[in-house]
Amino acid sequence: MKLDENKTSLNADNLKMVREYLKAKTADLMYQGVLCLIADALDTAIVDGDCYITIGVTKPKDAILLTVHHKGAKGRAGGLTLSEVSKDAERLL
């Protein structure tokens, strides 16, 4: 029997790669904050573990909310649109 073996390792350079990409793509700046935050959370999870993101809407459905969870701490970014969430996410970086 041949089983898949995970011989690859994850690299914690996602944020660096996203920022390099965004330098060349100025049209993507509207969502730069949320994209960088996702990359940073992935890098943190790879290096330090126990880091993840949840995204949804508030209970009254009056805002979009993105929450970063890391070792019991939380950081939140919110807005009425994804572009507003992205702008708010920049302060978590």
PDB file of N, CA and C in Angstrom:
ATOM      1  N   MET A   1       0.837  -1.160   0.000  1.00  0.00           N
ATOM      2  CA  MET A   1       0.000   0.000   0.000  1.00  0.00           C
ATOM      3  C   MET A   1       0.896   1.241   0.000  1.00  0.00           C
ATOM      4  N   LYS A   2       0.528   2.206  -0.848  1.00  0.00           N
ATOM      5  CA  LYS A   2       1.258   3.479  -0.896  1.00  0.00           C
ATOM      6  C   LYS A   2       0.378   4.554  -0.274  1.00  0.00           C
ATOM      7  N   LEU A   3       0.900   5.206   0.718  1.00  0.00           N
ATOM      8  CA  LEU A   3       0.186   6.286   1.389  1.00  0.00           C
ATOM      9  C   LEU A   3       0.872   7.606   1.086  1.00  0.00           C
ATOM     10  N   ASP A   4       0.067   8.630   1.032  1.00  0.00           N
ATOM     11  CA  ASP A   4       0.639   9.962   0.849  1.00  0.00           C
ATOM     12  C   ASP A   4       1.415  10.347   2.091  1.00  0.00           C
ATOM     13  N   GLU A   5       2.603  10.806   1.873  1.00  0.00           N
ATOM     14  CA  GLU A   5       3.411  11.294   2.989  1.00  0.00           C
ATOM     15  C   GLU A   5       3.638  12.773   2.784  1.00  0.00           C
ATOM     16  N   ASN A   6       3.434  13.513   3.818  1.00  0.00           N
ATOM     17  CA  ASN A   6       3.628  14.958   3.760  1.00  0.00           C
ATOM     18  C   ASN A   6       5.115  15.249   3.901  1.00  0.00           C
ATOM     19  N   LYS A   7       5.773  15.464   2.774  1.00  0.00           N
ATOM     20  CA  LYS A   7       7.212  15.726   2.783  1.00  0.00           C
ATOM     21  C   LYS A   7       7.510  17.205   2.584  1.00  0.00           C
ATOM     22  N   THR A   8       6.471  17.997   2.490  1.00  0.00           N
ATOM     23  CA  THR A   8       6.669  19.429   2.316  1.00  0.00           C
ATOM     24  C   THR A   8       6.470  20.129   3.651  1.00  0.00           C
ATOM     25  N   SER A   9       7.061  21.277   3.761  1.00  0.00           N
ATOM     26  CA  SER A   9       6.864  22.076   4.964  1.00  0.00           C
ATOM     27  C   SER A   9       6.323  23.443   4.552  1.00  0.00           C
ATOM     28  N   LEU A  10       5.609  24.048   5.447  1.00  0.00           N
ATOM     29  CA  LEU A  10       5.024  25.358   5.183  1.00  0.00           C
ATOM     30  C   LEU A  10       6.053  26.446   5.456  1.00  0.00           C
ATOM     31  N   ASN A  11       6.032  27.467   4.637  1.00  0.00           N
ATOM     32  CA  ASN A  11       6.920  28.605   4.826  1.00  0.00           C
ATOM     33  C   ASN A  11       6.123  29.787   5.342  1.00  0.00           C
ATOM     34  N   ALA A  12       6.664  30.465   6.306  1.00  0.00           N
ATOM     35  CA  ALA A  12       5.985  31.615   6.896  1.00  0.00           C
ATOM     36  C   ALA A  12       6.406  32.899   6.196  1.00  0.00           C
ATOM     37  N   ASP A  13       6.204  32.948   4.885  1.00  0.00           N
ATOM     38  CA  ASP A  13       6.546  34.152   4.130  1.00  0.00           C
ATOM     39  C   ASP A  13       5.363  34.650   3.301  1.00  0.00           C
ATOM     40  N   ASN A  14       4.158  34.305   3.724  1.00  0.00           N
ATOM     41  CA  ASN A  14       2.955  34.699   2.991  1.00  0.00           C
ATOM     42  C   ASN A  14       2.771  36.212   2.944  1.00  0.00           C
ATOM     43  N   LEU A  15       2.953  36.885   4.070  1.00  0.00           N
ATOM     44  CA  LEU A  15       2.788  38.339   4.103  1.00  0.00           C
ATOM     45  C   LEU A  15       3.799  39.008   3.179  1.00  0.00           C
ATOM     46  N   LYS A  16       5.028  38.558   3.205  1.00  0.00           N
ATOM     47  CA  LYS A  16       6.078  39.106   2.334  1.00  0.00           C
ATOM     48  C   LYS A  16       5.692  38.928   0.863  1.00  0.00           C
ATOM     49  N   MET A  17       5.199  37.750   0.515  1.00  0.00           N
ATOM     50  CA  MET A  17       4.826  37.482  -0.871  1.00  0.00           C
ATOM     51  C   MET A  17       3.639  38.338  -1.313  1.00  0.00           C
ATOM     52  N   VAL A  18       2.659  38.529  -0.439  1.00  0.00           N
ATOM     53  CA  VAL A  18       1.500  39.361  -0.776  1.00  0.00           C
ATOM     54  C   VAL A  18       1.934  40.806  -0.971  1.00  0.00           C
ATOM     55  N   ARG A  19       2.770  41.312  -0.079  1.00  0.00           N
ATOM     56  CA  ARG A  19       3.224  42.709  -0.211  1.00  0.00           C
ATOM     57  C   ARG A  19       4.033  42.907  -1.489  1.00  0.00           C
ATOM     58  N   GLU A  20       4.860  41.934  -1.853  1.00  0.00           N
ATOM     59  CA  GLU A  20       5.609  42.031  -3.107  1.00  0.00           C
ATOM     60  C   GLU A  20       4.662  42.041  -4.301  1.00  0.00           C
ATOM     61  N   TYR A  21       3.634  41.215  -4.262  1.00  0.00           N
ATOM     62  CA  TYR A  21       2.642  41.165  -5.333  1.00  0.00           C
ATOM     63  C   TYR A  21       1.894  42.490  -5.432  1.00  0.00           C
ATOM     64  N   LEU A  22       1.493  43.035  -4.295  1.00  0.00           N
ATOM     65  CA  LEU A  22       0.707  44.267  -4.304  1.00  0.00           C
ATOM     66  C   LEU A  22       1.507  45.470  -4.800  1.00  0.00           C
ATOM     67  N   LYS A  23       2.811  45.454  -4.620  1.00  0.00           N
ATOM     68  CA  LYS A  23       3.642  46.548  -5.146  1.00  0.00           C
ATOM     69  C   LYS A  23       3.489  46.655  -6.655  1.00  0.00           C
ATOM     70  N   ALA A  24       3.352  45.524  -7.316  1.00  0.00           N
ATOM     71  CA  ALA A  24       3.236  45.508  -8.771  1.00  0.00           C
ATOM     72  C   ALA A  24       1.794  45.662  -9.251  1.00  0.00           C
ATOM     73  N   LYS A  25       0.830  45.520  -8.380  1.00  0.00           N
ATOM     74  CA  LYS A  25      -0.585  45.541  -8.757  1.00  0.00           C
ATOM     75  C   LYS A  25      -1.326  46.621  -7.983  1.00  0.00           C
ATOM     76  N   THR A  26      -1.237  47.855  -8.408  1.00  0.00           N
ATOM     77  CA  THR A  26      -1.867  48.953  -7.673  1.00  0.00           C
ATOM     78  C   THR A  26      -3.387  48.864  -7.676  1.00  0.00           C
ATOM     79  N   ALA A  27      -3.988  48.172  -8.630  1.00  0.00           N
ATOM     80  CA  ALA A  27      -5.443  48.051  -8.671  1.00  0.00           C
ATOM     81  C   ALA A  27      -5.976  47.229  -7.499  1.00  0.00           C
ATOM     82  N   ASP A  28      -5.162  46.402  -6.893  1.00  0.00           N
ATOM     83  CA  ASP A  28      -5.594  45.547  -5.794  1.00  0.00           C
ATOM     84  C   ASP A  28      -5.527  46.235  -4.427  1.00  0.00           C
ATOM     85  N   LEU A  29      -5.179  47.492  -4.384  1.00  0.00           N
ATOM     86  CA  LEU A  29      -4.981  48.168  -3.106  1.00  0.00           C
ATOM     87  C   LEU A  29      -6.248  48.267  -2.271  1.00  0.00           C
ATOM     88  N   MET A  30      -7.429  48.179  -2.897  1.00  0.00           N
ATOM     89  CA  MET A  30      -8.679  48.282  -2.155  1.00  0.00           C
ATOM     90  C   MET A  30      -8.784  47.175  -1.102  1.00  0.00           C
ATOM     91  N   TYR A  31      -8.246  46.007  -1.400  1.00  0.00           N
ATOM     92  CA  TYR A  31      -8.345  44.865  -0.490  1.00  0.00           C
ATOM     93  C   TYR A  31      -7.006  44.488   0.134  1.00  0.00           C
ATOM     94  N   GLN A  32      -6.055  45.393   0.087  1.00  0.00           N
ATOM     95  CA  GLN A  32      -4.716  45.130   0.607  1.00  0.00           C
ATOM     96  C   GLN A  32      -4.746  44.772   2.088  1.00  0.00           C
ATOM     97  N   GLY A  33      -5.512  45.473   2.882  1.00  0.00           N
ATOM     98  CA  GLY A  33      -5.541  45.247   4.326  1.00  0.00           C
ATOM     99  C   GLY A  33      -5.988  43.847   4.693  1.00  0.00           C
ATOM    100  N   VAL A  34      -7.099  43.396   4.109  1.00  0.00           N
ATOM    101  CA  VAL A  34      -7.616  42.068   4.451  1.00  0.00           C
ATOM    102  C   VAL A  34      -6.711  40.975   3.894  1.00  0.00           C
ATOM    103  N   LEU A  35      -6.155  41.184   2.715  1.00  0.00           N
ATOM    104  CA  LEU A  35      -5.254  40.195   2.132  1.00  0.00           C
ATOM    105  C   LEU A  35      -3.977  40.063   2.960  1.00  0.00           C
ATOM    106  N   CYS A  36      -3.414  41.173   3.379  1.00  0.00           N
ATOM    107  CA  CYS A  36      -2.215  41.138   4.222  1.00  0.00           C
ATOM    108  C   CYS A  36      -2.514  40.539   5.592  1.00  0.00           C
ATOM    109  N   LEU A  37      -3.690  40.826   6.141  1.00  0.00           N
ATOM    110  CA  LEU A  37      -4.047  40.269   7.442  1.00  0.00           C
ATOM    111  C   LEU A  37      -4.179  38.745   7.366  1.00  0.00           C
ATOM    112  N   ILE A  38      -4.790  38.241   6.296  1.00  0.00           N
ATOM    113  CA  ILE A  38      -4.891  36.794   6.115  1.00  0.00           C
ATOM    114  C   ILE A  38      -3.500  36.182   6.010  1.00  0.00           C
ATOM    115  N   ALA A  39      -2.633  36.799   5.210  1.00  0.00           N
ATOM    116  CA  ALA A  39      -1.268  36.292   5.055  1.00  0.00           C
ATOM    117  C   ALA A  39      -0.522  36.316   6.384  1.00  0.00           C
ATOM    118  N   ASP A  40      -0.684  37.390   7.145  1.00  0.00           N
ATOM    119  CA  ASP A  40       0.000  37.513   8.435  1.00  0.00           C
ATOM    120  C   ASP A  40      -0.515  36.463   9.426  1.00  0.00           C
ATOM    121  N   ALA A  41      -1.813  36.213   9.419  1.00  0.00           N
ATOM    122  CA  ALA A  41      -2.374  35.186  10.306  1.00  0.00           C
ATOM    123  C   ALA A  41      -1.855  33.802   9.928  1.00  0.00           C
ATOM    124  N   LEU A  42      -1.730  33.532   8.635  1.00  0.00           N
ATOM    125  CA  LEU A  42      -1.165  32.249   8.202  1.00  0.00           C
ATOM    126  C   LEU A  42       0.285  32.109   8.656  1.00  0.00           C
ATOM    127  N   ASP A  43       1.061  33.174   8.481  1.00  0.00           N
ATOM    128  CA  ASP A  43       2.463  33.137   8.915  1.00  0.00           C
ATOM    129  C   ASP A  43       2.557  32.900  10.421  1.00  0.00           C
ATOM    130  N   THR A  44       1.702  33.575  11.190  1.00  0.00           N
ATOM    131  CA  THR A  44       1.690  33.409  12.641  1.00  0.00           C
ATOM    132  C   THR A  44       1.327  31.972  13.014  1.00  0.00           C
ATOM    133  N   ALA A  45       0.342  31.410  12.327  1.00  0.00           N
ATOM    134  CA  ALA A  45      -0.057  30.024  12.604  1.00  0.00           C
ATOM    135  C   ALA A  45       1.076  29.050  12.309  1.00  0.00           C
ATOM    136  N   ILE A  46       1.808  29.298  11.226  1.00  0.00           N
ATOM    137  CA  ILE A  46       2.923  28.418  10.851  1.00  0.00           C
ATOM    138  C   ILE A  46       4.043  28.496  11.873  1.00  0.00           C
ATOM    139  N   VAL A  47       4.377  29.704  12.300  1.00  0.00           N
ATOM    140  CA  VAL A  47       5.504  29.908  13.210  1.00  0.00           C
ATOM    141  C   VAL A  47       5.131  29.637  14.658  1.00  0.00           C
ATOM    142  N   ASP A  48       3.965  30.128  15.077  1.00  0.00           N
ATOM    143  CA  ASP A  48       3.620  30.139  16.498  1.00  0.00           C
ATOM    144  C   ASP A  48       2.419  29.258  16.844  1.00  0.00           C
ATOM    145  N   GLY A  49       1.672  28.822  15.859  1.00  0.00           N
ATOM    146  CA  GLY A  49       0.501  27.984  16.098  1.00  0.00           C
ATOM    147  C   GLY A  49      -0.671  28.740  16.688  1.00  0.00           C
ATOM    148  N   ASP A  50      -1.794  28.056  16.778  1.00  0.00           N
ATOM    149  CA  ASP A  50      -2.997  28.564  17.428  1.00  0.00           C
ATOM    150  C   ASP A  50      -3.410  29.956  16.942  1.00  0.00           C
ATOM    151  N   CYS A  51      -3.490  30.128  15.627  1.00  0.00           N
ATOM    152  CA  CYS A  51      -3.937  31.394  15.058  1.00  0.00           C
ATOM    153  C   CYS A  51      -4.897  31.084  13.914  1.00  0.00           C
ATOM    154  N   TYR A  52      -6.066  31.716  13.950  1.00  0.00           N
ATOM    155  CA  TYR A  52      -7.027  31.516  12.878  1.00  0.00           C
ATOM    156  C   TYR A  52      -7.929  32.740  12.747  1.00  0.00           C
ATOM    157  N   ILE A  53      -8.667  32.801  11.640  1.00  0.00           N
ATOM    158  CA  ILE A  53      -9.551  33.929  11.337  1.00  0.00           C
ATOM    159  C   ILE A  53     -10.975  33.415  11.169  1.00  0.00           C
ATOM    160  N   THR A  54     -11.922  34.165  11.715  1.00  0.00           N
ATOM    161  CA  THR A  54     -13.332  33.918  11.425  1.00  0.00           C
ATOM    162  C   THR A  54     -13.884  35.168  10.743  1.00  0.00           C
ATOM    163  N   ILE A  55     -14.827  34.955   9.848  1.00  0.00           N
ATOM    164  CA  ILE A  55     -15.450  36.086   9.166  1.00  0.00           C
ATOM    165  C   ILE A  55     -16.942  35.809   9.031  1.00  0.00           C
ATOM    166  N   GLY A  56     -17.729  36.831   9.211  1.00  0.00           N
ATOM    167  CA  GLY A  56     -19.178  36.697   9.118  1.00  0.00           C
ATOM    168  C   GLY A  56     -19.822  38.059   9.285  1.00  0.00           C
ATOM    169  N   VAL A  57     -21.059  38.032   9.740  1.00  0.00           N
ATOM    170  CA  VAL A  57     -21.783  39.280   9.985  1.00  0.00           C
ATOM    171  C   VAL A  57     -22.198  39.319  11.452  1.00  0.00           C
ATOM    172  N   THR A  58     -22.457  40.507  11.943  1.00  0.00           N
ATOM    173  CA  THR A  58     -22.917  40.666  13.318  1.00  0.00           C
ATOM    174  C   THR A  58     -24.321  40.082  13.459  1.00  0.00           C
ATOM    175  N   LYS A  59     -24.740  39.809  14.693  1.00  0.00           N
ATOM    176  CA  LYS A  59     -26.073  39.219  14.922  1.00  0.00           C
ATOM    177  C   LYS A  59     -27.198  40.050  14.324  1.00  0.00           C
ATOM    178  N   PRO A  60     -27.154  41.385  14.473  1.00  0.00           N
ATOM    179  CA  PRO A  60     -28.228  42.172  13.845  1.00  0.00           C
ATOM    180  C   PRO A  60     -28.056  42.340  12.326  1.00  0.00           C
ATOM    181  N   LYS A  61     -26.995  41.734  11.783  1.00  0.00           N
ATOM    182  CA  LYS A  61     -26.705  41.800  10.348  1.00  0.00           C
ATOM    183  C   LYS A  61     -26.555  43.230   9.847  1.00  0.00           C
ATOM    184  N   ASP A  62     -25.838  44.034  10.653  1.00  0.00           N
ATOM    185  CA  ASP A  62     -25.623  45.420  10.257  1.00  0.00           C
ATOM    186  C   ASP A  62     -24.164  45.731   9.964  1.00  0.00           C
ATOM    187  N   ALA A  63     -23.283  44.712  10.011  1.00  0.00           N
ATOM    188  CA  ALA A  63     -21.868  44.920   9.695  1.00  0.00           C
ATOM    189  C   ALA A  63     -21.201  43.578   9.408  1.00  0.00           C
ATOM    190  N   ILE A  64     -20.140  43.646   8.611  1.00  0.00           N
ATOM    191  CA  ILE A  64     -19.283  42.486   8.361  1.00  0.00           C
ATOM    192  C   ILE A  64     -18.191  42.517   9.424  1.00  0.00           C
ATOM    193  N   LEU A  65     -17.868  41.369   9.973  1.00  0.00           N
ATOM    194  CA  LEU A  65     -16.877  41.317  11.049  1.00  0.00           C
ATOM    195  C   LEU A  65     -15.856  40.227  10.757  1.00  0.00           C
ATOM    196  N   LEU A  66     -14.590  40.595  10.795  1.00  0.00           N
ATOM    197  CA  LEU A  66     -13.480  39.663  10.647  1.00  0.00           C
ATOM    198  C   LEU A  66     -12.737  39.645  11.976  1.00  0.00           C
ATOM    199  N   THR A  67     -12.536  38.462  12.536  1.00  0.00           N
ATOM    200  CA  THR A  67     -11.877  38.346  13.834  1.00  0.00           C
ATOM    201  C   THR A  67     -10.655  37.448  13.703  1.00  0.00           C
ATOM    202  N   VAL A  68      -9.527  37.934  14.195  1.00  0.00           N
ATOM    203  CA  VAL A  68      -8.299  37.138  14.260  1.00  0.00           C
ATOM    204  C   VAL A  68      -8.183  36.626  15.683  1.00  0.00           C
ATOM    205  N   HIS A  69      -7.996  35.325  15.829  1.00  0.00           N
ATOM    206  CA  HIS A  69      -7.845  34.682  17.131  1.00  0.00           C
ATOM    207  C   HIS A  69      -6.406  34.189  17.240  1.00  0.00           C
ATOM    208  N   HIS A  70      -5.737  34.529  18.342  1.00  0.00           N
ATOM    209  CA  HIS A  70      -4.369  34.052  18.561  1.00  0.00           C
ATOM    210  C   HIS A  70      -4.130  33.855  20.051  1.00  0.00           C
ATOM    211  N   LYS A  71      -4.002  32.602  20.426  1.00  0.00           N
ATOM    212  CA  LYS A  71      -3.695  32.228  21.815  1.00  0.00           C
ATOM    213  C   LYS A  71      -4.608  32.924  22.819  1.00  0.00           C
ATOM    214  N   GLY A  72      -5.897  32.923  22.550  1.00  0.00           N
ATOM    215  CA  GLY A  72      -6.866  33.502  23.469  1.00  0.00           C
ATOM    216  C   GLY A  72      -7.150  34.978  23.250  1.00  0.00           C
ATOM    217  N   ALA A  73      -6.280  35.675  22.530  1.00  0.00           N
ATOM    218  CA  ALA A  73      -6.499  37.094  22.243  1.00  0.00           C
ATOM    219  C   ALA A  73      -7.277  37.218  20.933  1.00  0.00           C
ATOM    220  N   LYS A  74      -7.988  38.341  20.779  1.00  0.00           N
ATOM    221  CA  LYS A  74      -8.769  38.578  19.570  1.00  0.00           C
ATOM    222  C   LYS A  74      -8.524  39.992  19.062  1.00  0.00           C
ATOM    223  N   GLY A  75      -8.508  40.109  17.752  1.00  0.00           N
ATOM    224  CA  GLY A  75      -8.467  41.407  17.095  1.00  0.00           C
ATOM    225  C   GLY A  75      -9.572  41.433  16.066  1.00  0.00           C
ATOM    226  N   ARG A  76     -10.306  42.526  15.968  1.00  0.00           N
ATOM    227  CA  ARG A  76     -11.457  42.583  15.074  1.00  0.00           C
ATOM    228  C   ARG A  76     -11.337  43.730  14.079  1.00  0.00           C
ATOM    229  N   ALA A  77     -11.825  43.469  12.879  1.00  0.00           N
ATOM    230  CA  ALA A  77     -11.948  44.497  11.844  1.00  0.00           C
ATOM    231  C   ALA A  77     -13.375  44.400  11.318  1.00  0.00           C
ATOM    232  N   GLY A  78     -14.003  45.536  11.102  1.00  0.00           N
ATOM    233  CA  GLY A  78     -15.386  45.517  10.653  1.00  0.00           C
ATOM    234  C   GLY A  78     -15.703  46.642   9.703  1.00  0.00           C
ATOM    235  N   GLY A  79     -16.856  46.534   9.078  1.00  0.00           N
ATOM    236  CA  GLY A  79     -17.320  47.562   8.174  1.00  0.00           C
ATOM    237  C   GLY A  79     -18.605  47.136   7.490  1.00  0.00           C
ATOM    238  N   LEU A  80     -19.135  48.021   6.663  1.00  0.00           N
ATOM    239  CA  LEU A  80     -20.366  47.736   5.936  1.00  0.00           C
ATOM    240  C   LEU A  80     -20.103  46.985   4.632  1.00  0.00           C
ATOM    241  N   THR A  81     -18.874  47.074   4.135  1.00  0.00           N
ATOM    242  CA  THR A  81     -18.482  46.393   2.897  1.00  0.00           C
ATOM    243  C   THR A  81     -17.132  45.716   3.129  1.00  0.00           C
ATOM    244  N   LEU A  82     -16.771  44.811   2.230  1.00  0.00           N
ATOM    245  CA  LEU A  82     -15.475  44.153   2.346  1.00  0.00           C
ATOM    246  C   LEU A  82     -14.332  45.162   2.220  1.00  0.00           C
ATOM    247  N   SER A  83     -14.506  46.181   1.406  1.00  0.00           N
ATOM    248  CA  SER A  83     -13.455  47.191   1.289  1.00  0.00           C
ATOM    249  C   SER A  83     -13.299  47.977   2.593  1.00  0.00           C
ATOM    250  N   GLU A  84     -14.386  48.228   3.313  1.00  0.00           N
ATOM    251  CA  GLU A  84     -14.289  48.886   4.622  1.00  0.00           C
ATOM    252  C   GLU A  84     -13.615  47.975   5.644  1.00  0.00           C
ATOM    253  N   VAL A  85     -13.933  46.685   5.605  1.00  0.00           N
ATOM    254  CA  VAL A  85     -13.279  45.723   6.496  1.00  0.00           C
ATOM    255  C   VAL A  85     -11.784  45.696   6.203  1.00  0.00           C
ATOM    256  N   SER A  86     -11.438  45.727   4.926  1.00  0.00           N
ATOM    257  CA  SER A  86     -10.035  45.707   4.524  1.00  0.00           C
ATOM    258  C   SER A  86      -9.295  46.938   5.045  1.00  0.00           C
ATOM    259  N   LYS A  87      -9.915  48.071   4.943  1.00  0.00           N
ATOM    260  CA  LYS A  87      -9.306  49.326   5.446  1.00  0.00           C
ATOM    261  C   LYS A  87      -9.120  49.236   6.965  1.00  0.00           C
ATOM    262  N   ASP A  88     -10.118  48.732   7.674  1.00  0.00           N
ATOM    263  CA  ASP A  88     -10.042  48.599   9.121  1.00  0.00           C
ATOM    264  C   ASP A  88      -9.007  47.547   9.531  1.00  0.00           C
ATOM    265  N   ALA A  89      -8.825  46.522   8.698  1.00  0.00           N
ATOM    266  CA  ALA A  89      -7.880  45.448   9.009  1.00  0.00           C
ATOM    267  C   ALA A  89      -6.430  45.952   9.039  1.00  0.00           C
ATOM    268  N   GLU A  90      -6.148  47.039   8.355  1.00  0.00           N
ATOM    269  CA  GLU A  90      -4.778  47.577   8.314  1.00  0.00           C
ATOM    270  C   GLU A  90      -4.274  47.928   9.706  1.00  0.00           C
ATOM    271  N   ARG A  91      -5.153  48.321  10.605  1.00  0.00           N
ATOM    272  CA  ARG A  91      -4.694  48.703  11.945  1.00  0.00           C
ATOM    273  C   ARG A  91      -4.288  47.485  12.782  1.00  0.00           C
ATOM    274  N   LEU A  92      -4.654  46.270  12.328  1.00  0.00           N
ATOM    275  CA  LEU A  92      -4.266  45.052  13.051  1.00  0.00           C
ATOM    276  C   LEU A  92      -2.906  44.533  12.599  1.00  0.00           C
ATOM    277  N   LEU A  93      -2.356  45.107  11.545  1.00  0.00           N
ATOM    278  CA  LEU A  93      -1.073  44.638  11.015  1.00  0.00           C
ATOM    279  C   LEU A  93       0.106  45.266  11.748  1.00  0.00           C
TER     280      LEU A  93
END
